[in-house]
PDB file of all heavy atoms in Angstrom:
ATOM      1  N   VAL A   1       0.838  -1.203   0.000  1.00  0.00           N
ATOM      2  CA  VAL A   1       0.000   0.000   0.000  1.00  0.00           C
ATOM      3  C   VAL A   1       0.874   1.254   0.000  1.00  0.00           C
ATOM      4  O   VAL A   1       0.638   2.194  -0.780  1.00  0.00           O
ATOM      5  CB  VAL A   1      -0.954   0.005   1.212  1.00  0.00           C
ATOM      6  CG1 VAL A   1      -1.628   1.372   1.359  1.00  0.00           C
ATOM      7  CG2 VAL A   1      -2.007  -1.091   1.061  1.00  0.00           C
ATOM      8  N   LEU A   2       1.901   1.267   0.836  1.00  0.00           N
ATOM      9  CA  LEU A   2       2.796   2.427   0.872  1.00  0.00           C
ATOM     10  C   LEU A   2       3.511   2.610  -0.460  1.00  0.00           C
ATOM     11  O   LEU A   2       3.563   3.720  -1.010  1.00  0.00           O
ATOM     12  CB  LEU A   2       3.821   2.266   1.996  1.00  0.00           C
ATOM     13  CG  LEU A   2       4.877   3.386   2.096  1.00  0.00           C
ATOM     14  CD1 LEU A   2       4.209   4.722   2.383  1.00  0.00           C
ATOM     15  CD2 LEU A   2       5.912   3.059   3.165  1.00  0.00           C
ATOM     16  N   GLY A   3       4.055   1.537  -1.000  1.00  0.00           N
ATOM     17  CA  GLY A   3       4.756   1.621  -2.277  1.00  0.00           C
ATOM     18  C   GLY A   3       3.847   2.078  -3.394  1.00  0.00           C
ATOM     19  O   GLY A   3       4.228   2.904  -4.232  1.00  0.00           O
ATOM     20  N   GLY A   4       2.623   1.553  -3.424  1.00  0.00           N
ATOM     21  CA  GLY A   4       1.679   1.934  -4.461  1.00  0.00           C
ATOM     22  C   GLY A   4       1.272   3.394  -4.376  1.00  0.00           C
ATOM     23  O   GLY A   4       1.212   4.098  -5.391  1.00  0.00           O
ATOM     24  N   VAL A   5       0.997   3.868  -3.171  1.00  0.00           N
ATOM     25  CA  VAL A   5       0.597   5.263  -2.995  1.00  0.00           C
ATOM     26  C   VAL A   5       1.727   6.201  -3.398  1.00  0.00           C
ATOM     27  O   VAL A   5       1.511   7.210  -4.087  1.00  0.00           O
ATOM     28  CB  VAL A   5       0.171   5.523  -1.534  1.00  0.00           C
ATOM     29  CG1 VAL A   5       0.034   7.024  -1.266  1.00  0.00           C
ATOM     30  CG2 VAL A   5      -1.149   4.812  -1.237  1.00  0.00           C
ATOM     31  N   LEU A   6       2.944   5.889  -2.991  1.00  0.00           N
ATOM     32  CA  LEU A   6       4.085   6.737  -3.358  1.00  0.00           C
ATOM     33  C   LEU A   6       4.260   6.810  -4.871  1.00  0.00           C
ATOM     34  O   LEU A   6       4.541   7.881  -5.428  1.00  0.00           O
ATOM     35  CB  LEU A   6       5.365   6.213  -2.697  1.00  0.00           C
ATOM     36  CG  LEU A   6       5.477   6.406  -1.183  1.00  0.00           C
ATOM     37  CD1 LEU A   6       6.747   5.751  -0.665  1.00  0.00           C
ATOM     38  CD2 LEU A   6       5.458   7.882  -0.818  1.00  0.00           C
ATOM     39  N   ALA A   7       4.096   5.687  -5.549  1.00  0.00           N
ATOM     40  CA  ALA A   7       4.250   5.666  -7.004  1.00  0.00           C
ATOM     41  C   ALA A   7       3.176   6.507  -7.681  1.00  0.00           C
ATOM     42  O   ALA A   7       3.461   7.284  -8.601  1.00  0.00           O
ATOM     43  CB  ALA A   7       4.190   4.230  -7.517  1.00  0.00           C
ATOM     44  N   ALA A   8       1.928   6.365  -7.224  1.00  0.00           N
ATOM     45  CA  ALA A   8       0.834   7.116  -7.830  1.00  0.00           C
ATOM     46  C   ALA A   8       0.988   8.612  -7.593  1.00  0.00           C
ATOM     47  O   ALA A   8       0.735   9.425  -8.488  1.00  0.00           O
ATOM     48  CB  ALA A   8      -0.502   6.624  -7.273  1.00  0.00           C
ATOM     49  N   VAL A   9       1.412   8.980  -6.385  1.00  0.00           N
ATOM     50  CA  VAL A   9       1.618  10.398  -6.075  1.00  0.00           C
ATOM     51  C   VAL A   9       2.763  10.966  -6.909  1.00  0.00           C
ATOM     52  O   VAL A   9       2.671  12.075  -7.459  1.00  0.00           O
ATOM     53  CB  VAL A   9       1.895  10.595  -4.571  1.00  0.00           C
ATOM     54  CG1 VAL A   9       2.367  12.022  -4.284  1.00  0.00           C
ATOM     55  CG2 VAL A   9       0.652  10.270  -3.752  1.00  0.00           C
ATOM     56  N   LEU A  10       3.840  10.217  -7.033  1.00  0.00           N
ATOM     57  CA  LEU A  10       4.980  10.663  -7.829  1.00  0.00           C
ATOM     58  C   LEU A  10       4.565  10.920  -9.275  1.00  0.00           C
ATOM     59  O   LEU A  10       4.917  11.951  -9.862  1.00  0.00           O
ATOM     60  CB  LEU A  10       6.093   9.610  -7.787  1.00  0.00           C
ATOM     61  CG  LEU A  10       7.302   9.884  -8.700  1.00  0.00           C
ATOM     62  CD1 LEU A  10       8.091  11.085  -8.193  1.00  0.00           C
ATOM     63  CD2 LEU A  10       8.200   8.650  -8.780  1.00  0.00           C
ATOM     64  N   TYR A  11       3.810   9.984  -9.829  1.00  0.00           N
ATOM     65  CA  TYR A  11       3.409  10.149 -11.228  1.00  0.00           C
ATOM     66  C   TYR A  11       2.447  11.326 -11.386  1.00  0.00           C
ATOM     67  O   TYR A  11       2.581  12.123 -12.319  1.00  0.00           O
ATOM     68  CB  TYR A  11       2.756   8.866 -11.750  1.00  0.00           C
ATOM     69  CG  TYR A  11       2.526   8.919 -13.243  1.00  0.00           C
ATOM     70  CD1 TYR A  11       3.560   8.651 -14.130  1.00  0.00           C
ATOM     71  CD2 TYR A  11       1.287   9.278 -13.765  1.00  0.00           C
ATOM     72  CE1 TYR A  11       3.367   8.730 -15.499  1.00  0.00           C
ATOM     73  CE2 TYR A  11       1.084   9.361 -15.133  1.00  0.00           C
ATOM     74  CZ  TYR A  11       2.134   9.087 -15.994  1.00  0.00           C
ATOM     75  OH  TYR A  11       1.936   9.177 -17.352  1.00  0.00           O
ATOM     76  N   ALA A  12       1.484  11.425 -10.466  1.00  0.00           N
ATOM     77  CA  ALA A  12       0.487  12.489 -10.573  1.00  0.00           C
ATOM     78  C   ALA A  12       1.111  13.873 -10.418  1.00  0.00           C
ATOM     79  O   ALA A  12       0.726  14.823 -11.106  1.00  0.00           O
ATOM     80  CB  ALA A  12      -0.609  12.280  -9.526  1.00  0.00           C
ATOM     81  N   ARG A  13       2.084  13.984  -9.522  1.00  0.00           N
ATOM     82  CA  ARG A  13       2.668  15.304  -9.224  1.00  0.00           C
ATOM     83  C   ARG A  13       3.798  15.698 -10.164  1.00  0.00           C
ATOM     84  O   ARG A  13       3.966  16.883 -10.481  1.00  0.00           O
ATOM     85  CB  ARG A  13       3.200  15.303  -7.786  1.00  0.00           C
ATOM     86  CG  ARG A  13       2.141  15.109  -6.717  1.00  0.00           C
ATOM     87  CD  ARG A  13       1.341  16.380  -6.466  1.00  0.00           C
ATOM     88  NE  ARG A  13       0.330  16.185  -5.438  1.00  0.00           N
ATOM     89  CZ  ARG A  13       0.566  16.323  -4.138  1.00  0.00           C
ATOM     90  NH1 ARG A  13       1.776  16.615  -3.712  1.00  0.00           N
ATOM     91  NH2 ARG A  13      -0.407  16.133  -3.265  1.00  0.00           N
ATOM     92  N   PHE A  14       4.598  14.718 -10.600  1.00  0.00           N
ATOM     93  CA  PHE A  14       5.824  15.071 -11.301  1.00  0.00           C
ATOM     94  C   PHE A  14       6.009  14.445 -12.689  1.00  0.00           C
ATOM     95  O   PHE A  14       6.719  15.017 -13.524  1.00  0.00           O
ATOM     96  CB  PHE A  14       7.044  14.705 -10.447  1.00  0.00           C
ATOM     97  CG  PHE A  14       7.046  15.338  -9.093  1.00  0.00           C
ATOM     98  CD1 PHE A  14       6.756  14.595  -7.965  1.00  0.00           C
ATOM     99  CD2 PHE A  14       7.323  16.687  -8.945  1.00  0.00           C
ATOM    100  CE1 PHE A  14       6.750  15.175  -6.706  1.00  0.00           C
ATOM    101  CE2 PHE A  14       7.323  17.285  -7.698  1.00  0.00           C
ATOM    102  CZ  PHE A  14       7.034  16.529  -6.567  1.00  0.00           C
ATOM    103  N   LEU A  15       5.425  13.297 -12.935  1.00  0.00           N
ATOM    104  CA  LEU A  15       5.726  12.578 -14.173  1.00  0.00           C
ATOM    105  C   LEU A  15       4.570  12.529 -15.156  1.00  0.00           C
ATOM    106  O   LEU A  15       4.768  12.111 -16.301  1.00  0.00           O
ATOM    107  CB  LEU A  15       6.164  11.135 -13.851  1.00  0.00           C
ATOM    108  CG  LEU A  15       7.363  10.998 -12.912  1.00  0.00           C
ATOM    109  CD1 LEU A  15       7.644   9.519 -12.646  1.00  0.00           C
ATOM    110  CD2 LEU A  15       8.597  11.674 -13.498  1.00  0.00           C
ATOM    111  N   GLY A  16       3.391  12.907 -14.746  1.00  0.00           N
ATOM    112  CA  GLY A  16       2.226  12.841 -15.612  1.00  0.00           C
ATOM    113  C   GLY A  16       2.310  13.820 -16.760  1.00  0.00           C
ATOM    114  O   GLY A  16       3.267  14.602 -16.885  1.00  0.00           O
ATOM    115  N   GLN A  17       1.303  13.767 -17.603  1.00  0.00           N
ATOM    116  CA  GLN A  17       1.299  14.594 -18.803  1.00  0.00           C
ATOM    117  C   GLN A  17       1.396  16.075 -18.440  1.00  0.00           C
ATOM    118  O   GLN A  17       0.574  16.618 -17.712  1.00  0.00           O
ATOM    119  CB  GLN A  17       0.020  14.341 -19.609  1.00  0.00           C
ATOM    120  CG  GLN A  17       0.037  15.039 -20.966  1.00  0.00           C
ATOM    121  CD  GLN A  17      -1.011  14.454 -21.887  1.00  0.00           C
ATOM    122  OE1 GLN A  17      -1.668  13.482 -21.563  1.00  0.00           O
ATOM    123  NE2 GLN A  17      -1.158  15.043 -23.054  1.00  0.00           N
ATOM    124  N   GLY A  18       2.429  16.709 -18.934  1.00  0.00           N
ATOM    125  CA  GLY A  18       2.643  18.125 -18.666  1.00  0.00           C
ATOM    126  C   GLY A  18       2.364  18.955 -19.904  1.00  0.00           C
ATOM    127  O   GLY A  18       1.798  18.497 -20.890  1.00  0.00           O
ATOM    128  N   GLN A  19       2.810  20.181 -19.878  1.00  0.00           N
ATOM    129  CA  GLN A  19       2.563  21.110 -20.981  1.00  0.00           C
ATOM    130  C   GLN A  19       3.894  21.558 -21.566  1.00  0.00           C
ATOM    131  O   GLN A  19       4.850  21.817 -20.835  1.00  0.00           O
ATOM    132  CB  GLN A  19       1.773  22.326 -20.475  1.00  0.00           C
ATOM    133  CG  GLN A  19       1.236  23.209 -21.589  1.00  0.00           C
ATOM    134  CD  GLN A  19       0.351  24.305 -21.028  1.00  0.00           C
ATOM    135  OE1 GLN A  19       0.502  24.725 -19.902  1.00  0.00           O
ATOM    136  NE2 GLN A  19      -0.590  24.775 -21.836  1.00  0.00           N
ATOM    137  N   ASP A  20       3.954  21.592 -22.890  1.00  0.00           N
ATOM    138  CA  ASP A  20       5.170  22.064 -23.548  1.00  0.00           C
ATOM    139  C   ASP A  20       5.499  23.482 -23.071  1.00  0.00           C
ATOM    140  O   ASP A  20       4.598  24.323 -22.949  1.00  0.00           O
ATOM    141  CB  ASP A  20       4.958  22.064 -25.065  1.00  0.00           C
ATOM    142  CG  ASP A  20       6.208  22.491 -25.807  1.00  0.00           C
ATOM    143  OD1 ASP A  20       7.021  21.617 -26.116  1.00  0.00           O
ATOM    144  OD2 ASP A  20       6.330  23.702 -26.065  1.00  0.00           O
ATOM    145  N   PRO A  21       6.774  23.784 -22.758  1.00  0.00           N
ATOM    146  CA  PRO A  21       7.139  25.117 -22.266  1.00  0.00           C
ATOM    147  C   PRO A  21       6.653  26.248 -23.149  1.00  0.00           C
ATOM    148  O   PRO A  21       6.185  27.279 -22.674  1.00  0.00           O
ATOM    149  CB  PRO A  21       8.669  25.055 -22.214  1.00  0.00           C
ATOM    150  CG  PRO A  21       8.974  23.618 -22.008  1.00  0.00           C
ATOM    151  CD  PRO A  21       7.927  22.876 -22.780  1.00  0.00           C
ATOM    152  N   ALA A  22       6.747  26.070 -24.487  1.00  0.00           N
ATOM    153  CA  ALA A  22       6.295  27.116 -25.403  1.00  0.00           C
ATOM    154  C   ALA A  22       4.792  27.314 -25.297  1.00  0.00           C
ATOM    155  O   ALA A  22       4.279  28.442 -25.298  1.00  0.00           O
ATOM    156  CB  ALA A  22       6.684  26.760 -26.830  1.00  0.00           C
ATOM    157  N   GLN A  23       4.054  26.193 -25.164  1.00  0.00           N
ATOM    158  CA  GLN A  23       2.605  26.285 -25.017  1.00  0.00           C
ATOM    159  C   GLN A  23       2.231  26.955 -23.715  1.00  0.00           C
ATOM    160  O   GLN A  23       1.290  27.747 -23.652  1.00  0.00           O
ATOM    161  CB  GLN A  23       1.972  24.891 -25.089  1.00  0.00           C
ATOM    162  CG  GLN A  23       2.092  24.219 -26.457  1.00  0.00           C
ATOM    163  CD  GLN A  23       1.488  22.834 -26.453  1.00  0.00           C
ATOM    164  OE1 GLN A  23       1.365  22.202 -25.419  1.00  0.00           O
ATOM    165  NE2 GLN A  23       1.113  22.357 -27.634  1.00  0.00           N
ATOM    166  N   ALA A  24       2.974  26.629 -22.658  1.00  0.00           N
ATOM    167  CA  ALA A  24       2.703  27.234 -21.357  1.00  0.00           C
ATOM    168  C   ALA A  24       2.933  28.741 -21.411  1.00  0.00           C
ATOM    169  O   ALA A  24       2.160  29.531 -20.848  1.00  0.00           O
ATOM    170  CB  ALA A  24       3.593  26.598 -20.291  1.00  0.00           C
ATOM    171  N   GLU A  25       4.005  29.146 -22.126  1.00  0.00           N
ATOM    172  CA  GLU A  25       4.304  30.578 -22.241  1.00  0.00           C
ATOM    173  C   GLU A  25       3.217  31.298 -23.046  1.00  0.00           C
ATOM    174  O   GLU A  25       2.770  32.393 -22.673  1.00  0.00           O
ATOM    175  CB  GLU A  25       5.661  30.756 -22.916  1.00  0.00           C
ATOM    176  CG  GLU A  25       6.110  32.218 -22.990  1.00  0.00           C
ATOM    177  CD  GLU A  25       7.495  32.361 -23.590  1.00  0.00           C
ATOM    178  OE1 GLU A  25       8.193  31.321 -23.722  1.00  0.00           O
ATOM    179  OE2 GLU A  25       7.856  33.488 -23.929  1.00  0.00           O
ATOM    180  N   ASN A  26       2.768  30.660 -24.129  1.00  0.00           N
ATOM    181  CA  ASN A  26       1.714  31.267 -24.938  1.00  0.00           C
ATOM    182  C   ASN A  26       0.415  31.375 -24.151  1.00  0.00           C
ATOM    183  O   ASN A  26      -0.322  32.370 -24.265  1.00  0.00           O
ATOM    184  CB  ASN A  26       1.485  30.444 -26.200  1.00  0.00           C
ATOM    185  CG  ASN A  26       2.644  30.517 -27.172  1.00  0.00           C
ATOM    186  OD1 ASN A  26       3.390  31.499 -27.163  1.00  0.00           O
ATOM    187  ND2 ASN A  26       2.800  29.504 -28.011  1.00  0.00           N
ATOM    188  N   ALA A  27       0.136  30.331 -23.361  1.00  0.00           N
ATOM    189  CA  ALA A  27      -1.077  30.350 -22.559  1.00  0.00           C
ATOM    190  C   ALA A  27      -1.042  31.474 -21.539  1.00  0.00           C
ATOM    191  O   ALA A  27      -2.039  32.142 -21.271  1.00  0.00           O
ATOM    192  CB  ALA A  27      -1.267  29.007 -21.871  1.00  0.00           C
ATOM    193  N   ALA A  28       0.150  31.673 -20.931  1.00  0.00           N
ATOM    194  CA  ALA A  28       0.297  32.729 -19.943  1.00  0.00           C
ATOM    195  C   ALA A  28       0.110  34.103 -20.588  1.00  0.00           C
ATOM    196  O   ALA A  28      -0.511  35.009 -20.017  1.00  0.00           O
ATOM    197  CB  ALA A  28       1.667  32.631 -19.279  1.00  0.00           C
ATOM    198  N   GLU A  29       0.672  34.283 -21.814  1.00  0.00           N
ATOM    199  CA  GLU A  29       0.539  35.558 -22.511  1.00  0.00           C
ATOM    200  C   GLU A  29      -0.916  35.827 -22.902  1.00  0.00           C
ATOM    201  O   GLU A  29      -1.413  36.946 -22.808  1.00  0.00           O
ATOM    202  CB  GLU A  29       1.422  35.556 -23.753  1.00  0.00           C
ATOM    203  CG  GLU A  29       2.911  35.575 -23.443  1.00  0.00           C
ATOM    204  CD  GLU A  29       3.758  35.460 -24.694  1.00  0.00           C
ATOM    205  OE1 GLU A  29       3.155  35.249 -25.781  1.00  0.00           O
ATOM    206  OE2 GLU A  29       4.997  35.582 -24.593  1.00  0.00           O
ATOM    207  N   THR A  30      -1.610  34.751 -23.312  1.00  0.00           N
ATOM    208  CA  THR A  30      -3.010  34.891 -23.682  1.00  0.00           C
ATOM    209  C   THR A  30      -3.861  35.286 -22.482  1.00  0.00           C
ATOM    210  O   THR A  30      -4.754  36.143 -22.568  1.00  0.00           O
ATOM    211  CB  THR A  30      -3.557  33.573 -24.269  1.00  0.00           C
ATOM    212  OG1 THR A  30      -2.776  33.228 -25.410  1.00  0.00           O
ATOM    213  CG2 THR A  30      -5.010  33.713 -24.667  1.00  0.00           C
ATOM    214  N   ALA A  31      -3.562  34.653 -21.333  1.00  0.00           N
ATOM    215  CA  ALA A  31      -4.307  34.947 -20.118  1.00  0.00           C
ATOM    216  C   ALA A  31      -4.063  36.379 -19.660  1.00  0.00           C
ATOM    217  O   ALA A  31      -4.962  37.050 -19.129  1.00  0.00           O
ATOM    218  CB  ALA A  31      -3.907  33.979 -18.998  1.00  0.00           C
TER     219      ALA A  31
END
């Protein structure tokens, strides 16, 4: 249970689908 929770949290917080830096910058400028 501990190992599974740590893995899921790691993926959700740091390894999951992110945003391309250029897209993030464009989104920030649009906002």
